[in-house]
């Protein structure tokens, strides 16, 4: 079974977060899916700056709304990350091609998505009475947990670094 991570951003609002997530996608081989509306212009210089020179290495998809995304991927292994989910992100198996979806910075994912998909709704544990982690940090935590479970398949090992780093 082919393994692949797809990171899905539902209406992201802050360009720096999306740029950082794009960079995470680039270095891990994950595809980036962005569901509109978004809170900034794709050409925003802060978005480009946060993603550095990784934009040309991305597999990136845009959707006009959640309905378009769902019509193309609704039957896939989608995990909905939310502070309101009951199960921890470490409590589920991530097999094959997975989609990990994150909501916008101010509101998270729509409550309906969490309520309609409780078996695929997961959370990153935090202290009580705290709103949430930064979006790009949450994406990195989830992505690297999946990669860890897959024994970092396809990523470089010690001693394989390009000469330009030394």
N, C-alpha and C. Protein backbone atom coordinates (compact mmCIF):
# COMPACT_ATOMS: atom_id res chain seq x y z
N UNK A 1 0.83 -1.18 0.00
CA UNK A 1 0.00 0.00 0.00
C UNK A 1 0.89 1.25 0.00
N UNK A 2 0.62 2.15 -0.91
CA UNK A 2 1.40 3.38 -1.03
C UNK A 2 1.14 4.30 0.15
N UNK A 3 2.21 4.81 0.73
CA UNK A 3 2.10 5.75 1.85
C UNK A 3 2.35 7.16 1.35
N UNK A 4 1.49 8.08 1.78
CA UNK A 4 1.66 9.47 1.41
C UNK A 4 0.88 10.33 2.40
N UNK A 5 1.48 11.45 2.74
CA UNK A 5 0.81 12.42 3.62
C UNK A 5 0.31 13.58 2.77
N UNK A 6 -0.93 13.95 3.01
CA UNK A 6 -1.54 15.12 2.39
C UNK A 6 -1.96 16.06 3.52
N UNK A 7 -1.44 17.27 3.51
CA UNK A 7 -1.79 18.26 4.52
C UNK A 7 -2.85 19.17 3.93
N UNK A 8 -3.98 19.27 4.63
CA UNK A 8 -5.12 20.05 4.14
C UNK A 8 -5.34 21.22 5.07
N UNK A 9 -5.33 22.43 4.52
CA UNK A 9 -5.61 23.64 5.28
C UNK A 9 -6.99 24.16 4.89
N UNK A 10 -7.86 24.22 5.86
CA UNK A 10 -9.23 24.70 5.66
C UNK A 10 -9.28 26.18 5.99
N UNK A 11 -9.34 27.03 4.99
CA UNK A 11 -9.43 28.49 5.14
C UNK A 11 -8.33 29.11 6.00
N UNK A 12 -7.07 28.87 5.64
CA UNK A 12 -5.99 29.50 6.43
C UNK A 12 -6.07 31.01 6.35
N UNK A 13 -5.64 31.68 7.42
CA UNK A 13 -5.76 33.13 7.51
C UNK A 13 -4.42 33.87 7.56
N UNK A 14 -3.38 33.20 8.02
CA UNK A 14 -2.10 33.89 8.25
C UNK A 14 -1.06 33.38 7.26
N UNK A 15 -0.57 34.27 6.39
CA UNK A 15 0.35 33.82 5.34
C UNK A 15 1.63 33.17 5.86
N UNK A 16 2.16 33.66 6.98
CA UNK A 16 3.40 33.08 7.50
C UNK A 16 3.19 31.62 7.89
N UNK A 17 2.05 31.30 8.48
CA UNK A 17 1.77 29.90 8.83
C UNK A 17 1.71 29.03 7.58
N UNK A 18 1.01 29.49 6.57
CA UNK A 18 0.89 28.71 5.34
C UNK A 18 2.26 28.56 4.67
N UNK A 19 3.08 29.59 4.71
CA UNK A 19 4.43 29.49 4.16
C UNK A 19 5.27 28.48 4.92
N UNK A 20 5.18 28.49 6.24
CA UNK A 20 5.93 27.51 7.04
C UNK A 20 5.43 26.10 6.77
N UNK A 21 4.13 25.93 6.61
CA UNK A 21 3.57 24.61 6.31
C UNK A 21 4.01 24.15 4.93
N UNK A 22 4.07 25.06 3.98
CA UNK A 22 4.57 24.72 2.64
C UNK A 22 6.00 24.20 2.73
N UNK A 23 6.79 24.82 3.57
CA UNK A 23 8.17 24.38 3.76
C UNK A 23 8.21 22.98 4.37
N UNK A 24 7.35 22.71 5.36
CA UNK A 24 7.26 21.38 5.95
C UNK A 24 6.87 20.36 4.88
N UNK A 25 5.91 20.72 4.04
CA UNK A 25 5.50 19.82 2.95
C UNK A 25 6.67 19.52 2.03
N UNK A 26 7.41 20.54 1.68
CA UNK A 26 8.52 20.36 0.75
C UNK A 26 9.58 19.41 1.29
N UNK A 27 9.95 19.57 2.55
CA UNK A 27 11.04 18.75 3.10
C UNK A 27 10.61 17.35 3.49
N UNK A 28 9.29 17.10 3.55
CA UNK A 28 8.80 15.77 3.92
C UNK A 28 8.16 15.03 2.77
N UNK A 29 7.94 15.72 1.64
CA UNK A 29 7.28 15.08 0.50
C UNK A 29 5.77 15.05 0.60
N UNK A 30 5.21 15.78 1.55
CA UNK A 30 3.76 15.84 1.70
C UNK A 30 3.16 16.77 0.65
N UNK A 31 1.95 16.47 0.21
CA UNK A 31 1.22 17.36 -0.68
C UNK A 31 0.46 18.37 0.17
N UNK A 32 0.29 19.57 -0.35
CA UNK A 32 -0.44 20.63 0.34
C UNK A 32 -1.75 20.90 -0.40
N UNK A 33 -2.85 20.87 0.33
CA UNK A 33 -4.18 21.15 -0.21
C UNK A 33 -4.72 22.36 0.55
N UNK A 34 -5.15 23.38 -0.18
CA UNK A 34 -5.67 24.60 0.44
C UNK A 34 -7.12 24.80 0.00
N UNK A 35 -8.01 24.85 1.00
CA UNK A 35 -9.43 25.06 0.75
C UNK A 35 -9.75 26.54 0.98
N UNK A 36 -10.30 27.18 -0.04
CA UNK A 36 -10.69 28.59 0.06
C UNK A 36 -12.02 28.70 0.79
N UNK A 37 -12.30 29.90 1.33
CA UNK A 37 -11.57 31.15 1.19
C UNK A 37 -10.34 31.18 2.10
N UNK A 38 -9.37 31.98 1.70
CA UNK A 38 -8.17 32.15 2.50
C UNK A 38 -8.04 33.64 2.85
N UNK A 39 -7.32 33.93 3.90
CA UNK A 39 -7.26 35.29 4.43
C UNK A 39 -6.14 36.15 3.89
N UNK A 40 -5.59 35.80 2.73
CA UNK A 40 -4.47 36.56 2.18
C UNK A 40 -4.36 36.24 0.70
N UNK A 41 -3.56 37.00 0.00
CA UNK A 41 -3.30 36.74 -1.41
C UNK A 41 -2.19 35.70 -1.52
N UNK A 42 -2.34 34.79 -2.44
CA UNK A 42 -1.30 33.76 -2.64
C UNK A 42 0.04 34.40 -2.99
N UNK A 43 0.02 35.54 -3.61
CA UNK A 43 1.27 36.21 -3.97
C UNK A 43 1.85 37.03 -2.81
N UNK A 44 1.19 37.03 -1.67
CA UNK A 44 1.63 37.80 -0.50
C UNK A 44 3.11 37.54 -0.24
N UNK A 45 3.88 38.61 -0.10
CA UNK A 45 5.32 38.45 0.05
C UNK A 45 5.69 37.73 1.33
N UNK A 46 4.89 37.86 2.39
CA UNK A 46 5.20 37.13 3.62
C UNK A 46 4.97 35.63 3.46
N UNK A 47 4.02 35.27 2.62
CA UNK A 47 3.80 33.86 2.32
C UNK A 47 5.01 33.30 1.59
N UNK A 48 5.45 34.00 0.58
CA UNK A 48 6.62 33.57 -0.18
C UNK A 48 7.87 33.54 0.70
N UNK A 49 8.02 34.54 1.55
CA UNK A 49 9.20 34.61 2.40
C UNK A 49 9.23 33.44 3.39
N UNK A 50 8.09 33.12 4.00
CA UNK A 50 8.06 32.03 4.97
C UNK A 50 8.35 30.69 4.31
N UNK A 51 7.94 30.54 3.05
CA UNK A 51 8.19 29.29 2.33
C UNK A 51 9.55 29.25 1.68
N UNK A 52 10.28 30.37 1.76
CA UNK A 52 11.60 30.52 1.16
C UNK A 52 11.61 30.06 -0.29
N UNK A 53 12.59 29.27 -0.65
CA UNK A 53 12.70 28.87 -2.05
C UNK A 53 12.10 27.49 -2.29
N UNK A 54 11.13 27.10 -1.48
CA UNK A 54 10.55 25.78 -1.58
C UNK A 54 9.31 25.72 -2.47
N UNK A 55 8.81 26.83 -2.93
CA UNK A 55 7.54 26.84 -3.66
C UNK A 55 7.59 26.00 -4.93
N UNK A 56 8.73 25.98 -5.60
CA UNK A 56 8.82 25.20 -6.85
C UNK A 56 8.95 23.70 -6.59
N UNK A 57 9.08 23.28 -5.33
CA UNK A 57 9.20 21.85 -5.02
C UNK A 57 7.90 21.27 -4.47
N UNK A 58 6.86 22.09 -4.42
CA UNK A 58 5.60 21.67 -3.80
C UNK A 58 4.64 20.98 -4.76
N UNK A 59 3.94 20.01 -4.22
CA UNK A 59 2.76 19.46 -4.88
C UNK A 59 1.60 20.15 -4.16
N UNK A 60 0.95 21.10 -4.83
CA UNK A 60 -0.05 21.95 -4.17
C UNK A 60 -1.35 21.97 -4.97
N UNK A 61 -2.45 21.93 -4.24
CA UNK A 61 -3.79 21.93 -4.85
C UNK A 61 -4.65 22.98 -4.15
N UNK A 62 -5.51 23.64 -4.92
CA UNK A 62 -6.44 24.62 -4.39
C UNK A 62 -7.87 24.18 -4.67
N UNK A 63 -8.78 24.47 -3.74
CA UNK A 63 -10.19 24.13 -3.87
C UNK A 63 -11.00 25.38 -3.57
N UNK A 64 -12.04 25.62 -4.33
CA UNK A 64 -12.87 26.81 -4.13
C UNK A 64 -13.63 26.76 -2.81
N UNK A 65 -13.94 25.55 -2.33
CA UNK A 65 -14.67 25.40 -1.07
C UNK A 65 -14.54 23.96 -0.58
N UNK A 66 -15.09 23.69 0.60
CA UNK A 66 -14.99 22.34 1.15
C UNK A 66 -15.74 21.33 0.29
N UNK A 67 -16.84 21.73 -0.29
CA UNK A 67 -17.60 20.83 -1.16
C UNK A 67 -16.78 20.29 -2.31
N UNK A 68 -15.97 21.14 -2.92
CA UNK A 68 -15.11 20.69 -4.01
C UNK A 68 -14.07 19.70 -3.49
N UNK A 69 -13.47 20.01 -2.35
CA UNK A 69 -12.49 19.08 -1.76
C UNK A 69 -13.16 17.74 -1.47
N UNK A 70 -14.33 17.78 -0.83
CA UNK A 70 -15.02 16.55 -0.44
C UNK A 70 -15.42 15.71 -1.66
N UNK A 71 -15.82 16.37 -2.75
CA UNK A 71 -16.20 15.61 -3.95
C UNK A 71 -15.01 14.87 -4.55
N UNK A 72 -13.80 15.39 -4.34
CA UNK A 72 -12.61 14.75 -4.89
C UNK A 72 -11.94 13.78 -3.92
N UNK A 73 -12.12 14.00 -2.62
CA UNK A 73 -11.37 13.22 -1.64
C UNK A 73 -12.20 12.69 -0.47
N UNK A 74 -13.50 12.83 -0.52
CA UNK A 74 -14.36 12.45 0.60
C UNK A 74 -14.28 11.00 1.03
N UNK A 75 -13.81 10.13 0.14
CA UNK A 75 -13.72 8.71 0.47
C UNK A 75 -12.34 8.30 0.98
N UNK A 76 -11.47 9.26 1.22
CA UNK A 76 -10.09 8.98 1.63
C UNK A 76 -9.96 8.91 3.15
N UNK A 77 -8.77 8.54 3.62
CA UNK A 77 -8.45 8.52 5.05
C UNK A 77 -8.16 9.94 5.51
N UNK A 78 -9.20 10.64 5.94
CA UNK A 78 -9.07 12.03 6.38
C UNK A 78 -9.14 12.08 7.90
N UNK A 79 -8.18 12.75 8.51
CA UNK A 79 -8.16 12.95 9.96
C UNK A 79 -8.32 14.44 10.22
N UNK A 80 -9.28 14.77 11.06
CA UNK A 80 -9.65 16.15 11.34
C UNK A 80 -9.04 16.56 12.68
N UNK A 81 -8.06 17.47 12.63
CA UNK A 81 -7.38 17.91 13.85
C UNK A 81 -8.16 19.06 14.48
N UNK A 82 -8.50 18.87 15.75
CA UNK A 82 -9.29 19.87 16.46
C UNK A 82 -9.04 19.76 17.95
N UNK A 83 -8.98 20.89 18.63
CA UNK A 83 -8.85 20.89 20.09
C UNK A 83 -10.10 20.29 20.75
N UNK A 84 -11.19 20.17 20.00
CA UNK A 84 -12.46 19.67 20.54
C UNK A 84 -12.65 18.17 20.32
N UNK A 85 -11.72 17.51 19.67
CA UNK A 85 -11.84 16.07 19.43
C UNK A 85 -11.59 15.31 20.73
N UNK A 86 -12.17 14.14 20.83
CA UNK A 86 -12.03 13.33 22.04
C UNK A 86 -10.75 12.49 22.03
N UNK A 87 -10.37 11.92 20.88
CA UNK A 87 -9.20 11.04 20.87
C UNK A 87 -7.93 11.80 20.49
N UNK A 88 -6.82 11.33 21.04
CA UNK A 88 -5.53 11.95 20.76
C UNK A 88 -5.03 11.51 19.38
N UNK A 89 -4.22 12.33 18.77
CA UNK A 89 -3.67 12.02 17.45
C UNK A 89 -2.77 10.79 17.48
N UNK A 90 -2.28 10.42 18.65
CA UNK A 90 -1.44 9.24 18.79
C UNK A 90 -2.25 7.96 18.98
N UNK A 91 -3.57 8.07 19.08
CA UNK A 91 -4.44 6.91 19.31
C UNK A 91 -4.93 6.24 18.04
N UNK A 92 -4.61 6.78 16.89
CA UNK A 92 -5.12 6.22 15.63
C UNK A 92 -3.97 5.70 14.77
N UNK A 93 -4.28 4.82 13.85
CA UNK A 93 -3.30 4.33 12.88
C UNK A 93 -3.39 5.19 11.63
N UNK A 94 -2.28 5.45 11.03
CA UNK A 94 -2.21 6.22 9.79
C UNK A 94 -1.65 5.29 8.72
N UNK A 95 -2.51 4.73 7.93
CA UNK A 95 -2.09 3.75 6.93
C UNK A 95 -2.34 4.28 5.52
N UNK A 96 -1.45 3.92 4.62
CA UNK A 96 -1.63 4.27 3.21
C UNK A 96 -1.54 5.76 2.97
N UNK A 97 -2.40 6.25 2.12
CA UNK A 97 -2.44 7.68 1.82
C UNK A 97 -3.38 8.35 2.82
N UNK A 98 -2.84 9.28 3.59
CA UNK A 98 -3.65 9.95 4.61
C UNK A 98 -3.73 11.44 4.34
N UNK A 99 -4.84 12.01 4.77
CA UNK A 99 -5.09 13.44 4.68
C UNK A 99 -5.27 13.93 6.11
N UNK A 100 -4.46 14.91 6.50
CA UNK A 100 -4.60 15.48 7.83
C UNK A 100 -5.06 16.93 7.65
N UNK A 101 -6.24 17.22 8.18
CA UNK A 101 -6.88 18.51 7.94
C UNK A 101 -6.84 19.38 9.18
N UNK A 102 -6.53 20.65 8.95
CA UNK A 102 -6.43 21.64 10.01
C UNK A 102 -7.28 22.85 9.64
N UNK A 103 -7.93 23.44 10.63
CA UNK A 103 -8.79 24.59 10.40
C UNK A 103 -8.06 25.91 10.46
N UNK A 104 -8.83 26.96 10.27
CA UNK A 104 -8.23 28.29 10.28
C UNK A 104 -7.79 28.68 11.68
N UNK A 105 -6.86 29.59 11.74
CA UNK A 105 -6.20 29.95 12.98
C UNK A 105 -7.17 30.47 14.05
N UNK A 106 -8.20 31.22 13.66
CA UNK A 106 -9.08 31.82 14.67
C UNK A 106 -10.18 30.89 15.16
N UNK A 107 -10.69 30.00 14.31
CA UNK A 107 -11.85 29.19 14.68
C UNK A 107 -11.64 27.69 14.57
N UNK A 108 -10.56 27.26 13.98
CA UNK A 108 -10.37 25.83 13.75
C UNK A 108 -11.29 25.32 12.66
N UNK A 109 -11.53 24.02 12.67
CA UNK A 109 -12.43 23.41 11.70
C UNK A 109 -13.89 23.65 12.10
N UNK A 110 -14.80 23.65 11.12
CA UNK A 110 -16.21 23.75 11.47
C UNK A 110 -16.63 22.61 12.40
N UNK A 111 -17.43 22.92 13.40
CA UNK A 111 -17.86 21.93 14.38
C UNK A 111 -18.58 20.75 13.72
N UNK A 112 -19.29 21.04 12.62
CA UNK A 112 -20.01 19.97 11.93
C UNK A 112 -19.07 18.87 11.46
N UNK A 113 -17.90 19.23 10.97
CA UNK A 113 -16.93 18.24 10.51
C UNK A 113 -16.49 17.32 11.64
N UNK A 114 -16.28 17.90 12.80
CA UNK A 114 -15.86 17.11 13.96
C UNK A 114 -17.00 16.21 14.42
N UNK A 115 -18.21 16.75 14.48
CA UNK A 115 -19.36 15.99 14.93
C UNK A 115 -19.74 14.87 13.96
N UNK A 116 -19.57 15.11 12.66
CA UNK A 116 -19.90 14.10 11.65
C UNK A 116 -18.83 13.03 11.50
N UNK A 117 -17.64 13.28 12.01
CA UNK A 117 -16.51 12.36 11.85
C UNK A 117 -15.79 12.10 13.17
N UNK A 118 -16.50 11.70 14.21
CA UNK A 118 -15.84 11.56 15.52
C UNK A 118 -14.73 10.51 15.55
N UNK A 119 -14.85 9.46 14.73
CA UNK A 119 -13.82 8.41 14.72
C UNK A 119 -12.54 8.87 14.02
N UNK A 120 -12.62 9.96 13.28
CA UNK A 120 -11.44 10.49 12.58
C UNK A 120 -11.06 11.89 13.07
N UNK A 121 -11.71 12.33 14.14
CA UNK A 121 -11.37 13.62 14.74
C UNK A 121 -10.35 13.37 15.85
N UNK A 122 -9.23 14.09 15.78
CA UNK A 122 -8.14 13.88 16.73
C UNK A 122 -7.63 15.22 17.26
N UNK A 123 -6.99 15.15 18.42
CA UNK A 123 -6.46 16.37 19.02
C UNK A 123 -5.04 16.16 19.48
N UNK A 124 -4.32 17.25 19.58
CA UNK A 124 -2.99 17.27 20.18
C UNK A 124 -3.19 17.73 21.63
N UNK A 125 -2.81 16.92 22.61
CA UNK A 125 -3.05 17.29 24.01
C UNK A 125 -2.36 18.60 24.41
N UNK A 126 -3.08 19.36 25.22
CA UNK A 126 -2.57 20.64 25.73
C UNK A 126 -3.09 20.83 27.15
N UNK A 127 -2.55 21.82 27.83
CA UNK A 127 -3.08 22.16 29.14
C UNK A 127 -4.51 22.67 29.01
N UNK A 128 -5.28 22.47 30.06
CA UNK A 128 -6.66 22.94 30.08
C UNK A 128 -6.70 24.47 30.02
N UNK A 129 -7.76 24.99 29.46
CA UNK A 129 -8.00 26.43 29.36
C UNK A 129 -6.99 27.16 28.48
N UNK A 130 -6.41 26.45 27.53
CA UNK A 130 -5.55 27.07 26.52
C UNK A 130 -6.27 26.91 25.19
N UNK A 131 -6.19 27.91 24.36
CA UNK A 131 -6.95 27.89 23.11
C UNK A 131 -6.40 26.89 22.12
N UNK A 132 -5.15 27.05 21.71
CA UNK A 132 -4.61 26.13 20.71
C UNK A 132 -3.12 26.38 20.49
N UNK A 133 -2.49 25.43 19.83
CA UNK A 133 -1.12 25.60 19.38
C UNK A 133 -1.11 26.42 18.09
N UNK A 134 0.04 26.92 17.73
CA UNK A 134 0.20 27.58 16.44
C UNK A 134 -0.07 26.56 15.33
N UNK A 135 -0.72 26.99 14.27
CA UNK A 135 -1.11 26.10 13.18
C UNK A 135 0.09 25.39 12.55
N UNK A 136 1.13 26.12 12.23
CA UNK A 136 2.27 25.48 11.57
C UNK A 136 2.97 24.49 12.50
N UNK A 137 2.98 24.78 13.82
CA UNK A 137 3.55 23.82 14.77
C UNK A 137 2.70 22.56 14.84
N UNK A 138 1.39 22.71 14.86
CA UNK A 138 0.49 21.56 14.91
C UNK A 138 0.67 20.67 13.69
N UNK A 139 0.79 21.28 12.52
CA UNK A 139 1.00 20.51 11.29
C UNK A 139 2.31 19.74 11.37
N UNK A 140 3.37 20.39 11.86
CA UNK A 140 4.67 19.72 11.96
C UNK A 140 4.61 18.55 12.95
N UNK A 141 3.96 18.75 14.09
CA UNK A 141 3.83 17.68 15.07
C UNK A 141 3.15 16.47 14.45
N UNK A 142 2.02 16.69 13.80
CA UNK A 142 1.25 15.59 13.20
C UNK A 142 2.03 14.92 12.06
N UNK A 143 2.63 15.71 11.21
CA UNK A 143 3.37 15.16 10.07
C UNK A 143 4.52 14.27 10.54
N UNK A 144 5.28 14.75 11.49
CA UNK A 144 6.43 13.97 11.94
C UNK A 144 6.03 12.77 12.80
N UNK A 145 4.87 12.82 13.44
CA UNK A 145 4.39 11.62 14.14
C UNK A 145 4.06 10.53 13.12
N UNK A 146 3.42 10.90 12.03
CA UNK A 146 3.11 9.91 10.99
C UNK A 146 4.40 9.38 10.38
N UNK A 147 5.33 10.26 10.07
CA UNK A 147 6.61 9.83 9.49
C UNK A 147 7.38 8.93 10.47
N UNK A 148 7.32 9.24 11.75
CA UNK A 148 7.99 8.40 12.75
C UNK A 148 7.40 7.00 12.74
N UNK A 149 6.08 6.92 12.67
CA UNK A 149 5.43 5.61 12.63
C UNK A 149 5.80 4.83 11.38
N UNK A 150 6.09 5.55 10.31
CA UNK A 150 6.49 4.93 9.05
C UNK A 150 8.01 4.78 8.98
N UNK A 151 8.69 4.94 10.10
CA UNK A 151 10.14 4.83 10.22
C UNK A 151 10.86 5.80 9.28
N UNK A 152 10.28 6.96 9.08
CA UNK A 152 10.85 8.03 8.26
C UNK A 152 11.18 7.55 6.84
N UNK A 153 10.38 6.66 6.35
CA UNK A 153 10.55 6.08 5.01
C UNK A 153 10.73 7.17 3.95
N UNK A 154 11.77 7.06 3.19
CA UNK A 154 12.03 7.99 2.09
C UNK A 154 12.81 9.24 2.46
N UNK A 155 13.03 9.48 3.75
CA UNK A 155 13.79 10.66 4.16
C UNK A 155 15.26 10.29 4.29
N UNK A 156 16.14 11.30 4.20
CA UNK A 156 17.57 11.03 4.21
C UNK A 156 18.04 10.54 5.57
N UNK A 157 19.06 9.72 5.55
CA UNK A 157 19.66 9.17 6.76
C UNK A 157 20.95 9.92 7.07
N UNK A 158 21.52 9.68 8.22
CA UNK A 158 22.79 10.29 8.61
C UNK A 158 23.84 9.97 7.54
N UNK A 159 24.63 10.95 7.19
CA UNK A 159 25.68 10.74 6.20
C UNK A 159 25.23 10.98 4.77
N UNK A 160 23.95 11.26 4.57
CA UNK A 160 23.45 11.46 3.21
C UNK A 160 23.24 12.93 2.88
N UNK A 161 23.76 13.83 3.71
CA UNK A 161 23.54 15.25 3.49
C UNK A 161 24.35 15.75 2.29
N UNK A 162 23.77 16.64 1.53
CA UNK A 162 24.49 17.19 0.38
C UNK A 162 25.77 17.92 0.80
N UNK A 163 26.78 17.90 -0.03
CA UNK A 163 28.06 18.55 0.26
C UNK A 163 27.91 20.04 0.54
N UNK A 164 26.92 20.67 -0.06
CA UNK A 164 26.77 22.11 0.08
C UNK A 164 26.50 22.53 1.52
N UNK A 165 26.15 21.59 2.42
CA UNK A 165 25.86 21.92 3.81
C UNK A 165 27.11 22.01 4.64
N UNK A 166 28.25 21.56 4.10
CA UNK A 166 29.47 21.54 4.90
C UNK A 166 30.54 22.40 4.30
